[in-house]
């Protein structure tokens, strides 16, 4: 296929997507609340990329309309902080296990920014669930996450699917 024809097809596809998006704005569907138990943070120190802090994830629970289960120990929240800008990049890597025994890997990356309006704290979790399982929907969507209210010494995280 000629390059000009491929470019034309890609442009037509993009314009079709754009027209559809103008008709319907995204909505959010609540998926789950995670109640994450954390251990004491420790620091690698100031690195070439900023202050590296690590917060071990020791367990917890999650629950939503379609499933619930436990957060497995062994994960961590890897934070990179620039103290001059009050900006922290976060990447939490951990696994969850549903009540029916299915393991799901989670990589939750985002940003915390402290400014005069308070704190901006938003992440975008990505899930790796077994293909063909009833949790396969987690593999094929975009999710957003914001902190929830404190929960018995655990970090509460609320997750929605973008529809």
N, C-alpha and C. Protein backbone atom coordinates (compact mmCIF):
# COMPACT_ATOMS: atom_id res chain seq x y z
N UNK A 1 0.86 -1.17 0.00
CA UNK A 1 0.00 0.00 0.00
C UNK A 1 0.90 1.23 0.00
N UNK A 2 0.55 2.21 -0.80
CA UNK A 2 1.36 3.42 -0.90
C UNK A 2 1.26 4.23 0.39
N UNK A 3 2.34 4.96 0.70
CA UNK A 3 2.40 5.77 1.91
C UNK A 3 1.29 6.81 1.94
N UNK A 4 1.00 7.44 0.80
CA UNK A 4 -0.03 8.48 0.77
C UNK A 4 -1.41 7.90 1.09
N UNK A 5 -1.68 6.67 0.65
CA UNK A 5 -2.97 6.03 0.94
C UNK A 5 -3.07 5.69 2.43
N UNK A 6 -1.97 5.23 3.04
CA UNK A 6 -1.96 4.92 4.47
C UNK A 6 -2.21 6.19 5.28
N UNK A 7 -1.54 7.28 4.90
CA UNK A 7 -1.74 8.55 5.61
C UNK A 7 -3.18 9.01 5.48
N UNK A 8 -3.78 8.87 4.27
CA UNK A 8 -5.17 9.25 4.07
C UNK A 8 -6.10 8.43 4.97
N UNK A 9 -5.87 7.12 5.04
CA UNK A 9 -6.71 6.25 5.88
C UNK A 9 -6.59 6.61 7.36
N UNK A 10 -5.37 6.87 7.81
CA UNK A 10 -5.17 7.26 9.21
C UNK A 10 -5.85 8.58 9.51
N UNK A 11 -5.76 9.55 8.60
CA UNK A 11 -6.41 10.84 8.78
C UNK A 11 -7.93 10.68 8.83
N UNK A 12 -8.49 9.87 7.93
CA UNK A 12 -9.94 9.63 7.92
C UNK A 12 -10.38 8.97 9.22
N UNK A 13 -9.61 8.00 9.69
CA UNK A 13 -9.92 7.33 10.96
C UNK A 13 -9.89 8.34 12.11
N UNK A 14 -8.86 9.19 12.16
CA UNK A 14 -8.73 10.19 13.23
C UNK A 14 -9.89 11.17 13.20
N UNK A 15 -10.30 11.62 12.01
CA UNK A 15 -11.42 12.56 11.90
C UNK A 15 -12.73 11.91 12.34
N UNK A 16 -12.92 10.63 12.04
CA UNK A 16 -14.11 9.90 12.47
C UNK A 16 -14.15 9.80 13.99
N UNK A 17 -13.01 9.48 14.60
CA UNK A 17 -12.91 9.39 16.07
C UNK A 17 -13.21 10.76 16.67
N UNK A 18 -12.63 11.82 16.09
CA UNK A 18 -12.83 13.17 16.62
C UNK A 18 -14.31 13.54 16.56
N UNK A 19 -15.01 13.21 15.48
CA UNK A 19 -16.43 13.52 15.36
C UNK A 19 -17.23 12.78 16.42
N UNK A 20 -16.89 11.51 16.68
CA UNK A 20 -17.59 10.74 17.71
C UNK A 20 -17.34 11.34 19.10
N UNK A 21 -16.11 11.77 19.36
CA UNK A 21 -15.77 12.32 20.68
C UNK A 21 -16.49 13.63 20.93
N UNK A 22 -16.73 14.42 19.87
CA UNK A 22 -17.43 15.68 20.06
C UNK A 22 -18.88 15.45 20.45
N UNK A 23 -19.43 14.32 20.07
CA UNK A 23 -20.81 14.02 20.38
C UNK A 23 -20.99 13.55 21.81
N UNK A 24 -20.03 12.81 22.33
CA UNK A 24 -20.19 12.24 23.67
C UNK A 24 -18.94 12.50 24.51
N UNK A 25 -19.13 13.21 25.62
CA UNK A 25 -18.01 13.43 26.52
C UNK A 25 -17.81 12.20 27.38
N UNK A 26 -16.57 11.96 27.81
CA UNK A 26 -16.31 10.80 28.66
C UNK A 26 -17.07 10.89 29.99
N UNK A 27 -17.43 9.75 30.49
CA UNK A 27 -18.03 9.65 31.81
C UNK A 27 -17.19 8.68 32.63
N UNK A 28 -17.41 8.69 33.93
CA UNK A 28 -16.66 7.81 34.82
C UNK A 28 -17.60 6.80 35.47
N UNK A 29 -17.12 5.56 35.56
CA UNK A 29 -17.85 4.50 36.25
C UNK A 29 -16.99 4.02 37.42
N UNK A 30 -17.54 4.07 38.63
CA UNK A 30 -16.78 3.63 39.80
C UNK A 30 -16.45 2.15 39.69
N UNK A 31 -15.17 1.81 39.96
CA UNK A 31 -14.72 0.42 39.85
C UNK A 31 -14.41 -0.17 41.22
N UNK A 32 -13.63 0.58 42.04
CA UNK A 32 -13.26 0.02 43.35
C UNK A 32 -12.65 1.08 44.25
N UNK A 33 -12.66 0.74 45.53
CA UNK A 33 -11.88 1.48 46.52
C UNK A 33 -10.82 0.52 47.06
N UNK A 34 -9.58 0.99 47.06
CA UNK A 34 -8.48 0.24 47.66
C UNK A 34 -8.19 0.84 49.02
N UNK A 35 -7.98 0.00 50.00
CA UNK A 35 -7.53 0.44 51.33
C UNK A 35 -6.16 -0.19 51.55
N UNK A 36 -5.13 0.61 51.27
CA UNK A 36 -3.77 0.12 51.19
C UNK A 36 -3.04 0.32 52.52
N UNK A 37 -2.45 -0.77 53.04
CA UNK A 37 -1.62 -0.69 54.24
C UNK A 37 -0.18 -0.47 53.82
N UNK A 38 0.46 0.50 54.47
CA UNK A 38 1.81 0.89 54.11
C UNK A 38 2.76 0.71 55.29
N UNK A 39 4.01 0.44 54.98
CA UNK A 39 5.07 0.37 55.98
C UNK A 39 5.79 1.71 56.00
N UNK A 40 6.79 1.83 56.87
CA UNK A 40 7.55 3.06 56.99
C UNK A 40 8.30 3.36 55.69
N UNK A 41 8.20 4.60 55.21
CA UNK A 41 8.95 4.96 54.00
C UNK A 41 10.44 5.01 54.29
N UNK A 42 11.21 4.83 53.23
CA UNK A 42 12.66 5.02 53.33
C UNK A 42 13.13 5.77 52.09
N UNK A 43 14.31 6.35 52.18
CA UNK A 43 14.82 7.19 51.11
C UNK A 43 16.10 6.62 50.52
N UNK A 44 16.19 6.69 49.22
CA UNK A 44 17.44 6.40 48.52
C UNK A 44 18.33 7.63 48.62
N UNK A 45 17.70 8.80 48.74
CA UNK A 45 18.42 10.07 48.81
C UNK A 45 18.20 10.87 47.54
N UNK A 46 18.95 11.94 47.43
CA UNK A 46 18.85 12.79 46.25
C UNK A 46 19.59 12.12 45.10
N UNK A 47 18.87 11.87 44.01
CA UNK A 47 19.45 11.23 42.84
C UNK A 47 19.51 12.26 41.71
N UNK A 48 20.00 11.84 40.57
CA UNK A 48 20.07 12.73 39.40
C UNK A 48 18.68 13.17 38.95
N UNK A 49 17.65 12.40 39.31
CA UNK A 49 16.27 12.73 38.90
C UNK A 49 15.47 13.40 40.01
N UNK A 50 16.02 13.50 41.22
CA UNK A 50 15.30 14.10 42.34
C UNK A 50 15.41 13.23 43.58
N UNK A 51 14.67 13.59 44.61
CA UNK A 51 14.66 12.84 45.87
C UNK A 51 13.83 11.58 45.69
N UNK A 52 14.45 10.41 45.83
CA UNK A 52 13.76 9.13 45.63
C UNK A 52 13.36 8.56 46.98
N UNK A 53 12.05 8.40 47.18
CA UNK A 53 11.50 7.80 48.38
C UNK A 53 10.69 6.56 47.99
N UNK A 54 10.71 5.57 48.87
CA UNK A 54 10.01 4.32 48.61
C UNK A 54 9.14 3.99 49.81
N UNK A 55 7.87 3.69 49.55
CA UNK A 55 6.93 3.33 50.61
C UNK A 55 6.46 1.89 50.36
N UNK A 56 6.88 0.94 51.19
CA UNK A 56 6.46 -0.46 50.99
C UNK A 56 4.95 -0.63 51.18
N UNK A 57 4.36 -1.46 50.33
CA UNK A 57 2.94 -1.82 50.44
C UNK A 57 2.89 -3.18 51.12
N UNK A 58 2.19 -3.25 52.26
CA UNK A 58 2.20 -4.48 53.06
C UNK A 58 0.90 -5.26 53.02
N UNK A 59 -0.10 -4.74 52.33
CA UNK A 59 -1.38 -5.45 52.26
C UNK A 59 -2.53 -4.49 52.16
N UNK A 60 -3.71 -4.99 52.50
CA UNK A 60 -4.91 -4.18 52.45
C UNK A 60 -6.04 -4.94 51.79
N UNK A 61 -7.09 -4.20 51.46
CA UNK A 61 -8.27 -4.79 50.83
C UNK A 61 -8.75 -3.87 49.70
N UNK A 62 -9.59 -4.42 48.84
CA UNK A 62 -10.27 -3.61 47.83
C UNK A 62 -11.68 -4.13 47.66
N UNK A 63 -12.55 -3.23 47.23
CA UNK A 63 -13.94 -3.63 47.01
C UNK A 63 -14.58 -2.68 46.02
N UNK A 64 -15.38 -3.26 45.13
CA UNK A 64 -16.15 -2.50 44.16
C UNK A 64 -17.41 -3.25 43.81
N UNK A 65 -18.23 -2.70 42.91
CA UNK A 65 -19.49 -3.34 42.55
C UNK A 65 -19.33 -4.72 41.89
N UNK A 66 -18.20 -4.96 41.21
CA UNK A 66 -18.03 -6.21 40.46
C UNK A 66 -17.11 -7.22 41.13
N UNK A 67 -16.35 -6.79 42.14
CA UNK A 67 -15.40 -7.70 42.76
C UNK A 67 -14.80 -7.09 44.01
N UNK A 68 -14.15 -7.96 44.81
CA UNK A 68 -13.44 -7.52 46.00
C UNK A 68 -12.34 -8.53 46.29
N UNK A 69 -11.46 -8.15 47.21
CA UNK A 69 -10.37 -9.05 47.54
C UNK A 69 -9.32 -8.36 48.39
N UNK A 70 -8.08 -8.86 48.26
CA UNK A 70 -7.00 -8.35 49.09
C UNK A 70 -5.88 -7.76 48.23
N UNK A 71 -5.13 -6.85 48.85
CA UNK A 71 -3.92 -6.31 48.25
C UNK A 71 -2.78 -7.13 48.81
N UNK A 72 -1.96 -7.68 47.94
CA UNK A 72 -0.88 -8.55 48.37
C UNK A 72 0.32 -7.74 48.84
N UNK A 73 1.02 -8.24 49.83
CA UNK A 73 2.23 -7.57 50.29
C UNK A 73 3.34 -7.77 49.27
N UNK A 74 4.33 -6.92 49.33
CA UNK A 74 5.48 -7.05 48.43
C UNK A 74 5.59 -5.96 47.39
N UNK A 75 4.59 -5.13 47.27
CA UNK A 75 4.66 -4.02 46.33
C UNK A 75 5.24 -2.79 47.00
N UNK A 76 5.33 -1.71 46.25
CA UNK A 76 5.83 -0.45 46.81
C UNK A 76 5.36 0.72 45.97
N UNK A 77 5.35 1.88 46.61
CA UNK A 77 5.08 3.15 45.96
C UNK A 77 6.42 3.86 45.82
N UNK A 78 6.85 4.06 44.57
CA UNK A 78 8.14 4.69 44.29
C UNK A 78 7.89 6.16 43.96
N UNK A 79 8.40 7.05 44.80
CA UNK A 79 8.14 8.47 44.63
C UNK A 79 9.42 9.22 44.28
N UNK A 80 9.27 10.18 43.37
CA UNK A 80 10.38 11.03 42.96
C UNK A 80 9.94 12.47 43.18
N UNK A 81 10.57 13.14 44.14
CA UNK A 81 10.12 14.45 44.58
C UNK A 81 11.11 15.55 44.21
N UNK A 82 10.57 16.65 43.71
CA UNK A 82 11.34 17.87 43.51
C UNK A 82 10.86 18.86 44.56
N UNK A 83 11.64 19.04 45.59
CA UNK A 83 11.23 19.87 46.73
C UNK A 83 11.08 21.34 46.34
N UNK A 84 11.78 21.80 45.29
CA UNK A 84 11.66 23.20 44.86
C UNK A 84 10.30 23.50 44.24
N UNK A 85 9.73 22.53 43.54
CA UNK A 85 8.44 22.74 42.88
C UNK A 85 7.28 22.10 43.62
N UNK A 86 7.57 21.38 44.71
CA UNK A 86 6.54 20.67 45.48
C UNK A 86 5.79 19.66 44.60
N UNK A 87 6.53 19.04 43.71
CA UNK A 87 5.98 18.10 42.74
C UNK A 87 6.54 16.71 43.01
N UNK A 88 5.65 15.71 43.06
CA UNK A 88 6.07 14.34 43.28
C UNK A 88 5.45 13.45 42.22
N UNK A 89 6.31 12.75 41.48
CA UNK A 89 5.85 11.72 40.56
C UNK A 89 5.76 10.42 41.35
N UNK A 90 4.65 9.71 41.20
CA UNK A 90 4.50 8.46 41.93
C UNK A 90 4.26 7.31 40.95
N UNK A 91 4.76 6.16 41.34
CA UNK A 91 4.50 4.94 40.60
C UNK A 91 4.44 3.79 41.60
N UNK A 92 3.23 3.34 41.86
CA UNK A 92 3.03 2.22 42.77
C UNK A 92 2.89 0.95 41.94
N UNK A 93 3.64 -0.07 42.33
CA UNK A 93 3.61 -1.35 41.62
C UNK A 93 3.28 -2.43 42.65
N UNK A 94 2.18 -3.15 42.42
CA UNK A 94 1.73 -4.16 43.39
C UNK A 94 0.76 -5.11 42.72
N UNK A 95 0.27 -6.07 43.48
CA UNK A 95 -0.72 -7.03 42.95
C UNK A 95 -1.90 -7.12 43.91
N UNK A 96 -3.05 -7.45 43.33
CA UNK A 96 -4.26 -7.71 44.11
C UNK A 96 -4.73 -9.12 43.80
N UNK A 97 -5.48 -9.69 44.73
CA UNK A 97 -6.05 -11.03 44.53
C UNK A 97 -7.54 -10.95 44.84
N UNK A 98 -8.36 -11.36 43.89
CA UNK A 98 -9.80 -11.33 44.08
C UNK A 98 -10.23 -12.43 45.04
N UNK A 99 -11.44 -12.30 45.58
CA UNK A 99 -11.96 -13.31 46.50
C UNK A 99 -12.07 -14.70 45.87
N UNK A 100 -12.14 -14.76 44.54
CA UNK A 100 -12.19 -16.07 43.89
C UNK A 100 -10.81 -16.53 43.42
N UNK A 101 -9.74 -15.90 43.95
CA UNK A 101 -8.39 -16.40 43.75
C UNK A 101 -7.65 -15.95 42.50
N UNK A 102 -8.13 -14.91 41.82
CA UNK A 102 -7.46 -14.43 40.60
C UNK A 102 -6.48 -13.31 40.96
N UNK A 103 -5.23 -13.48 40.52
CA UNK A 103 -4.20 -12.46 40.76
C UNK A 103 -4.20 -11.45 39.63
N UNK A 104 -4.10 -10.16 39.99
CA UNK A 104 -4.09 -9.07 39.02
C UNK A 104 -2.95 -8.14 39.37
N UNK A 105 -2.12 -7.83 38.39
CA UNK A 105 -0.98 -6.92 38.58
C UNK A 105 -1.44 -5.48 38.35
N UNK A 106 -0.93 -4.55 39.18
CA UNK A 106 -1.32 -3.15 39.09
C UNK A 106 -0.07 -2.28 39.01
N UNK A 107 -0.09 -1.33 38.10
CA UNK A 107 0.96 -0.30 38.02
C UNK A 107 0.21 1.03 37.97
N UNK A 108 0.34 1.82 39.04
CA UNK A 108 -0.44 3.04 39.21
C UNK A 108 0.51 4.23 39.25
N UNK A 109 0.53 5.01 38.16
CA UNK A 109 1.45 6.14 38.05
C UNK A 109 0.68 7.45 38.01
N UNK A 110 1.29 8.50 38.56
CA UNK A 110 0.62 9.79 38.54
C UNK A 110 1.43 10.89 39.16
N UNK A 111 0.72 11.89 39.66
CA UNK A 111 1.35 13.13 40.10
C UNK A 111 0.67 13.67 41.34
N UNK A 112 1.51 14.14 42.26
CA UNK A 112 1.03 14.92 43.41
C UNK A 112 1.71 16.27 43.30
N UNK A 113 0.92 17.33 43.36
CA UNK A 113 1.46 18.68 43.27
C UNK A 113 0.81 19.52 44.36
N UNK A 114 1.63 20.11 45.20
CA UNK A 114 1.13 21.00 46.24
C UNK A 114 1.30 22.43 45.76
N UNK A 115 0.20 23.22 45.80
CA UNK A 115 0.26 24.62 45.41
C UNK A 115 -0.67 25.43 46.30
N UNK A 116 -0.88 26.68 45.95
CA UNK A 116 -1.70 27.56 46.79
C UNK A 116 -3.16 27.12 46.87
N UNK A 117 -3.61 26.30 45.92
CA UNK A 117 -5.00 25.79 45.91
C UNK A 117 -5.14 24.49 46.69
N UNK A 118 -4.05 23.99 47.26
CA UNK A 118 -4.09 22.71 47.97
C UNK A 118 -3.23 21.68 47.27
N UNK A 119 -3.77 20.48 47.12
CA UNK A 119 -3.00 19.40 46.50
C UNK A 119 -3.74 18.85 45.29
N UNK A 120 -3.00 18.60 44.24
CA UNK A 120 -3.49 17.90 43.06
C UNK A 120 -2.90 16.50 43.15
N UNK A 121 -3.75 15.48 43.21
CA UNK A 121 -3.29 14.09 43.37
C UNK A 121 -4.15 13.23 42.46
N UNK A 122 -3.61 12.87 41.31
CA UNK A 122 -4.33 12.04 40.34
C UNK A 122 -3.36 11.03 39.76
N UNK A 123 -3.82 9.78 39.63
CA UNK A 123 -3.02 8.74 39.01
C UNK A 123 -3.84 8.01 37.97
N UNK A 124 -3.15 7.22 37.17
CA UNK A 124 -3.81 6.41 36.15
C UNK A 124 -3.35 4.96 36.29
N UNK A 125 -4.11 4.16 37.02
CA UNK A 125 -3.73 2.74 37.18
C UNK A 125 -3.90 1.96 35.88
N UNK A 126 -2.96 1.04 35.67
CA UNK A 126 -3.06 0.07 34.57
C UNK A 126 -3.07 -1.32 35.19
N UNK A 127 -3.95 -2.15 34.68
CA UNK A 127 -4.13 -3.49 35.23
C UNK A 127 -3.68 -4.54 34.22
N UNK A 128 -3.18 -5.65 34.75
CA UNK A 128 -2.90 -6.84 33.95
C UNK A 128 -3.64 -8.00 34.60
N UNK A 129 -4.80 -8.31 34.01
CA UNK A 129 -5.63 -9.41 34.49
C UNK A 129 -5.54 -10.55 33.48
N UNK A 130 -5.83 -11.78 33.91
CA UNK A 130 -5.78 -12.90 32.96
C UNK A 130 -6.75 -12.69 31.79
N UNK A 131 -6.25 -12.88 30.57
CA UNK A 131 -7.11 -12.76 29.39
C UNK A 131 -8.20 -13.81 29.44
N UNK A 132 -9.38 -13.42 29.02
CA UNK A 132 -10.50 -14.35 28.98
C UNK A 132 -11.19 -14.54 30.32
N UNK A 133 -10.62 -13.98 31.39
CA UNK A 133 -11.27 -14.08 32.70
C UNK A 133 -12.37 -13.03 32.81
N UNK A 134 -13.18 -13.14 33.85
CA UNK A 134 -14.23 -12.14 34.03
C UNK A 134 -13.65 -10.77 34.41
N UNK A 135 -12.33 -10.70 34.65
CA UNK A 135 -11.66 -9.44 34.98
C UNK A 135 -10.91 -8.88 33.78
N UNK A 136 -11.09 -9.48 32.62
CA UNK A 136 -10.41 -9.04 31.39
C UNK A 136 -10.74 -7.59 31.05
N UNK A 137 -11.90 -7.09 31.48
CA UNK A 137 -12.28 -5.70 31.21
C UNK A 137 -11.24 -4.72 31.75
N UNK A 138 -10.49 -5.13 32.79
CA UNK A 138 -9.47 -4.27 33.37
C UNK A 138 -8.31 -4.04 32.39
N UNK A 139 -8.09 -4.96 31.47
CA UNK A 139 -7.00 -4.84 30.49
C UNK A 139 -7.31 -3.86 29.38
N UNK A 140 -8.57 -3.54 29.20
CA UNK A 140 -9.01 -2.86 27.98
C UNK A 140 -9.73 -1.54 28.23
N UNK A 141 -9.26 -0.78 29.21
CA UNK A 141 -9.87 0.51 29.49
C UNK A 141 -8.84 1.42 30.14
N UNK A 142 -9.19 2.69 30.22
CA UNK A 142 -8.37 3.69 30.92
C UNK A 142 -9.05 3.95 32.26
N UNK A 143 -8.23 4.08 33.30
CA UNK A 143 -8.74 4.30 34.66
C UNK A 143 -8.09 5.54 35.25
N UNK A 144 -8.82 6.19 36.15
CA UNK A 144 -8.27 7.31 36.92
C UNK A 144 -8.48 7.01 38.40
N UNK A 145 -7.60 7.59 39.20
CA UNK A 145 -7.59 7.30 40.64
C UNK A 145 -7.33 8.58 41.41
N UNK A 146 -8.06 8.77 42.49
CA UNK A 146 -7.85 9.88 43.41
C UNK A 146 -7.95 9.34 44.83
N UNK A 147 -7.29 10.01 45.77
CA UNK A 147 -7.37 9.53 47.16
C UNK A 147 -8.79 9.70 47.71
N UNK A 148 -9.17 8.75 48.55
CA UNK A 148 -10.44 8.82 49.24
C UNK A 148 -10.23 9.24 50.68
N UNK A 149 -11.27 9.20 51.49
CA UNK A 149 -11.13 9.58 52.90
C UNK A 149 -10.25 8.57 53.65
N UNK A 150 -9.51 9.03 54.65
CA UNK A 150 -8.68 8.10 55.44
C UNK A 150 -9.53 6.95 55.99
N UNK A 151 -8.91 5.77 56.06
CA UNK A 151 -9.67 4.58 56.46
C UNK A 151 -8.85 3.73 57.42
N UNK A 152 -9.04 3.92 58.72
CA UNK A 152 -8.41 3.08 59.75
C UNK A 152 -6.91 2.90 59.55
N UNK A 153 -6.19 3.98 59.32
CA UNK A 153 -4.74 3.91 59.16
C UNK A 153 -4.28 3.43 57.80
N UNK A 154 -5.20 3.21 56.89
CA UNK A 154 -4.86 2.79 55.53
C UNK A 154 -5.04 3.97 54.57
N UNK A 155 -4.33 3.92 53.46
CA UNK A 155 -4.51 4.89 52.39
C UNK A 155 -5.69 4.44 51.55
N UNK A 156 -6.67 5.31 51.39
CA UNK A 156 -7.85 4.99 50.58
C UNK A 156 -7.66 5.58 49.19
N UNK A 157 -7.84 4.74 48.16
CA UNK A 157 -7.75 5.17 46.78
C UNK A 157 -9.03 4.76 46.05
N UNK A 158 -9.64 5.71 45.37
CA UNK A 158 -10.86 5.47 44.62
C UNK A 158 -10.52 5.40 43.13
N UNK A 159 -11.02 4.36 42.46
CA UNK A 159 -10.69 4.15 41.05
C UNK A 159 -11.97 4.12 40.21
N UNK A 160 -11.91 4.85 39.09
CA UNK A 160 -13.01 4.91 38.12
C UNK A 160 -12.50 4.51 36.75
N UNK A 161 -13.40 3.93 35.96
CA UNK A 161 -13.11 3.61 34.56
C UNK A 161 -13.66 4.73 33.70
N UNK A 162 -12.86 5.20 32.73
CA UNK A 162 -13.31 6.21 31.79
C UNK A 162 -14.12 5.51 30.71
N UNK A 163 -15.35 5.97 30.51
CA UNK A 163 -16.25 5.35 29.53
C UNK A 163 -16.44 6.29 28.36
